[in-house]
Amino acid sequence: MPTTTTESASSIGAAQQASTQSGTTGAAGLAALPALHRERIEVGDALWEAATPEQATWLNRHGFPTSGQLAAFNGAQAAQLPADGRARSPVDVVVAESVAMSDPVAKARALALLRGASEAGSSYALQSLARIAQLSEHDPVKAEGYYRAALLRGDWLVGLREIPRLAPEQNYAADLRAARLIEQINHARRQRGLPALGVDLRPGAEEAFELLSDGKR
């Protein structure tokens, strides 16, 4: 698993959100989790091409799982969802995406966890919601809304994926969904006394722009 309507009921508590920008719990809480849950992306990670400390930090801040976490929890079952519905590490987001794809009965719980993680700042959770809309619900406009919301948060690499052909009105609807999603996320945060999420640009944008510019010369 490499990424509108937004029901704003978040599952992540105010204290947890105050300590994180990735939809996962803080350092003290992580210490109590199993070892695999505590894994962090490091420089040299091949899955996400984290070539610098800044890139690895950004990926961790936005809740991206390690290759080991993806391998271990892809195909997870509903019983592996956190009982309280709160994402404490990227593992919980991976579990929620798998459950939402495969278990109609537990799908609502899984989606609530993913929305909570996205409200806490996880770009990966937004892209999980996009994949669910695209692959399970077969709704390309809804999927594009989530992908474009991740782009608005600063994950420019989302724009390099294979983008489906949409009619002009569908493109308009996807843009509107993305804008509304960001506003709903920030409204939910304001209700909890948290600052709005701004643009957190994924490192490497300047280099990518230069490569694109050189290609046009």
Protein backbone atom coordinates (compact mmCIF):
# COMPACT_ATOMS: atom_id res chain seq x y z
CA MET A 1 0.00 0.00 0.00
CA PRO A 2 2.34 2.87 -0.99
CA THR A 3 -2.44 7.25 -1.35
CA THR A 4 -15.33 14.78 0.11
CA THR A 5 -16.88 14.11 2.60
CA THR A 6 -15.25 14.38 5.93
CA GLU A 7 -17.06 13.25 9.00
CA SER A 8 -15.29 15.47 11.52
CA ALA A 9 -15.59 13.20 14.56
CA SER A 10 -11.92 12.57 15.34
CA SER A 11 -10.76 9.72 17.52
CA ILE A 12 -7.54 11.34 18.68
CA GLY A 13 -7.71 13.10 22.01
CA ALA A 14 -6.61 16.68 22.52
CA ALA A 15 -3.61 15.76 24.62
CA GLN A 16 -2.39 13.32 22.01
CA GLN A 17 -2.84 15.82 19.19
CA ALA A 18 -0.98 18.49 21.11
CA SER A 19 2.07 16.24 21.32
CA THR A 20 2.28 15.26 17.65
CA GLN A 21 1.92 16.33 14.05
CA SER A 22 1.82 12.83 12.58
CA GLY A 23 -1.39 11.34 13.94
CA THR A 24 0.62 9.18 16.30
CA THR A 25 1.45 9.41 19.96
CA GLY A 26 4.44 11.20 21.47
CA ALA A 27 7.78 9.77 22.61
CA ALA A 28 6.61 8.78 26.08
CA GLY A 29 3.67 6.84 24.67
CA LEU A 30 5.80 5.22 21.98
CA ALA A 31 8.09 3.76 24.62
CA ALA A 32 5.22 1.59 25.86
CA LEU A 33 4.46 0.15 22.40
CA PRO A 34 5.90 -3.07 20.90
CA ALA A 35 9.23 -2.68 19.13
CA LEU A 36 7.81 -2.82 15.61
CA HIS A 37 5.42 0.03 16.43
CA ARG A 38 8.38 2.15 17.51
CA GLU A 39 10.29 1.83 14.24
CA ARG A 40 11.11 5.11 12.53
CA ILE A 41 12.17 5.84 8.97
CA GLU A 42 15.91 6.48 8.78
CA VAL A 43 18.22 8.02 6.20
CA GLY A 44 18.82 5.54 3.40
CA ASP A 45 15.31 4.07 3.55
CA ALA A 46 14.73 2.59 0.10
CA LEU A 47 10.93 2.44 0.24
CA TRP A 48 10.44 6.20 0.60
CA GLU A 49 13.83 7.29 -0.78
CA ALA A 50 14.83 9.17 2.36
CA ALA A 51 18.22 10.45 1.21
CA THR A 52 18.69 13.15 3.86
CA PRO A 53 17.89 13.62 7.56
CA GLU A 54 15.37 16.29 6.57
CA GLN A 55 13.50 13.86 4.32
CA ALA A 56 13.44 11.15 6.98
CA THR A 57 12.21 13.65 9.57
CA TRP A 58 9.42 14.85 7.27
CA LEU A 59 8.27 11.28 6.55
CA ASN A 60 8.17 10.46 10.26
CA ARG A 61 6.37 13.70 11.03
CA HIS A 62 3.70 12.79 8.49
CA GLY A 63 3.16 9.27 9.77
CA PHE A 64 4.74 7.23 6.98
CA PRO A 65 5.35 3.58 7.95
CA THR A 66 8.62 1.72 7.57
CA SER A 67 8.92 -1.16 5.09
CA GLY A 68 8.89 -3.55 8.03
CA GLN A 69 5.65 -2.09 9.39
CA LEU A 70 3.99 -2.32 5.99
CA ALA A 71 5.09 -5.91 5.48
CA ALA A 72 3.94 -7.00 8.93
CA PHE A 73 0.53 -5.33 8.99
CA ASN A 74 -0.64 -5.24 5.39
CA GLY A 75 -3.69 -7.50 5.46
CA ALA A 76 -4.42 -6.84 9.14
CA GLN A 77 -7.75 -7.80 10.70
CA ALA A 78 -10.32 -5.72 12.58
CA ALA A 79 -9.21 -7.22 15.89
CA GLN A 80 -5.89 -5.40 15.43
CA LEU A 81 -7.51 -1.96 15.41
CA PRO A 82 -6.81 -0.01 18.62
CA ALA A 83 -9.69 -0.50 21.03
CA ASP A 84 -9.99 3.23 21.65
CA GLY A 85 -9.77 4.13 17.96
CA ARG A 86 -6.64 6.28 18.35
CA ALA A 87 -3.58 5.96 16.12
CA ARG A 88 -0.46 5.65 18.28
CA SER A 89 1.98 4.85 15.48
CA PRO A 90 2.00 4.42 11.69
CA VAL A 91 1.23 0.75 12.32
CA ASP A 92 -2.31 1.67 13.39
CA VAL A 93 -2.80 3.64 10.18
CA VAL A 94 -1.60 0.67 8.09
CA VAL A 95 -3.97 -1.60 10.01
CA ALA A 96 -6.88 0.80 9.52
CA GLU A 97 -6.30 1.03 5.76
CA SER A 98 -6.23 -2.76 5.43
CA VAL A 99 -9.38 -3.17 7.50
CA ALA A 100 -11.26 -0.46 5.58
CA MET A 101 -10.39 -2.24 2.33
CA SER A 102 -11.46 -5.72 3.44
CA ASP A 103 -14.00 -5.59 6.28
CA PRO A 104 -17.31 -3.78 5.62
CA VAL A 105 -18.44 -4.29 9.21
CA ALA A 106 -15.38 -2.59 10.73
CA LYS A 107 -14.88 -0.07 7.93
CA ALA A 108 -16.48 2.84 9.80
CA ARG A 109 -14.12 2.34 12.77
CA ALA A 110 -11.12 2.18 10.47
CA LEU A 111 -12.12 5.32 8.59
CA ALA A 112 -12.65 7.21 11.85
CA LEU A 113 -9.11 6.34 12.91
CA LEU A 114 -7.72 7.50 9.56
CA ARG A 115 -9.63 10.77 9.74
CA GLY A 116 -8.32 11.31 13.25
CA ALA A 117 -4.75 10.71 12.08
CA SER A 118 -5.20 13.13 9.18
CA GLU A 119 -6.53 15.76 11.58
CA ALA A 120 -3.39 15.28 13.64
CA GLY A 121 -1.27 16.05 10.57
CA SER A 122 -0.59 12.73 8.84
CA SER A 123 -0.21 13.08 5.08
CA TYR A 124 0.04 9.31 4.88
CA ALA A 125 -3.41 8.96 6.44
CA LEU A 126 -4.86 11.28 3.79
CA GLN A 127 -3.31 9.11 1.11
CA SER A 128 -4.68 5.98 2.82
CA LEU A 129 -8.16 7.49 2.57
CA ALA A 130 -7.47 8.24 -1.10
CA ARG A 131 -6.47 4.66 -1.83
CA ILE A 132 -9.59 3.35 -0.10
CA ALA A 133 -11.78 5.65 -2.20
CA GLN A 134 -9.92 4.69 -5.37
CA LEU A 135 -9.46 0.93 -4.97
CA SER A 136 -12.34 -0.12 -2.71
CA GLU A 137 -15.06 2.44 -3.38
CA HIS A 138 -14.09 3.07 -7.03
CA ASP A 139 -14.73 6.79 -6.63
CA PRO A 140 -11.96 8.64 -8.53
CA VAL A 141 -13.24 12.09 -7.63
CA LYS A 142 -13.31 11.36 -3.92
CA ALA A 143 -9.86 9.78 -4.18
CA GLU A 144 -8.48 12.83 -5.98
CA GLY A 145 -9.91 15.06 -3.26
CA TYR A 146 -7.86 13.25 -0.64
CA TYR A 147 -4.73 13.15 -2.80
CA ARG A 148 -5.01 16.86 -3.54
CA ALA A 149 -5.54 17.61 0.14
CA ALA A 150 -2.19 15.90 0.79
CA LEU A 151 -0.71 18.06 -1.95
CA LEU A 152 -2.12 21.19 -0.30
CA ARG A 153 -0.43 20.09 2.92
CA GLY A 154 2.92 20.11 1.09
CA ASP A 155 3.43 16.57 -0.22
CA TRP A 156 4.35 17.60 -3.76
CA LEU A 157 5.39 14.04 -4.63
CA VAL A 158 1.69 13.11 -4.72
CA GLY A 159 1.48 15.10 -7.95
CA LEU A 160 3.90 12.71 -9.70
CA ARG A 161 1.64 9.67 -9.38
CA GLU A 162 -0.44 8.41 -12.30
CA ILE A 163 -3.45 10.71 -12.30
CA PRO A 164 -6.76 9.43 -13.74
CA ARG A 165 -8.44 11.29 -16.55
CA LEU A 166 -11.28 13.36 -15.16
CA ALA A 167 -13.86 15.48 -16.89
CA PRO A 168 -13.58 19.24 -16.22
CA GLU A 169 -16.47 19.17 -13.77
CA GLN A 170 -14.89 16.20 -11.97
CA ASN A 171 -11.59 18.08 -11.67
CA TYR A 172 -13.48 21.03 -10.21
CA ALA A 173 -15.25 18.71 -7.75
CA ALA A 174 -11.93 17.12 -6.70
CA ASP A 175 -10.36 20.53 -6.08
CA LEU A 176 -13.39 21.60 -4.07
CA ARG A 177 -13.27 18.40 -2.01
CA ALA A 178 -9.60 18.98 -1.24
CA ALA A 179 -10.15 22.57 -0.12
CA ARG A 180 -13.17 21.60 1.99
CA LEU A 181 -11.25 18.72 3.55
CA ILE A 182 -8.43 21.00 4.70
CA GLU A 183 -10.96 23.46 6.13
CA GLN A 184 -12.83 20.67 7.96
CA ILE A 185 -9.58 19.31 9.38
CA ASN A 186 -8.61 22.73 10.66
CA HIS A 187 -12.10 23.37 12.04
CA ALA A 188 -11.85 20.15 14.03
CA ARG A 189 -8.43 21.23 15.32
CA ARG A 190 -9.68 24.68 16.33
CA GLN A 191 -12.47 23.04 18.30
CA ARG A 192 -9.76 21.26 20.29
CA GLY A 193 -7.76 24.42 20.84
CA LEU A 194 -5.07 23.37 18.35
CA PRO A 195 -3.50 25.54 15.63
CA ALA A 196 -4.50 25.08 12.03
CA LEU A 197 -2.35 22.86 9.86
CA GLY A 198 -0.36 24.82 7.31
CA VAL A 199 1.83 23.85 4.37
CA ASP A 200 4.68 21.58 5.46
CA LEU A 201 6.64 21.24 2.23
CA ARG A 202 8.21 17.85 1.62
CA PRO A 203 12.00 18.26 1.27
CA GLY A 204 13.36 18.00 -2.26
CA ALA A 205 10.89 20.33 -3.94
CA GLU A 206 13.54 22.75 -5.17
CA GLU A 207 15.64 19.97 -6.67
CA ALA A 208 12.58 18.45 -8.37
CA PHE A 209 11.59 21.84 -9.77
CA GLU A 210 15.09 22.37 -11.17
CA LEU A 211 15.02 18.96 -12.85
CA LEU A 212 11.65 19.72 -14.42
CA SER A 213 12.86 23.12 -15.56
CA ASP A 214 16.00 21.65 -17.10
CA GLY A 215 13.89 19.13 -18.97
CA LYS A 216 11.89 21.91 -20.63
CA ARG A 217 14.98 23.72 -21.96
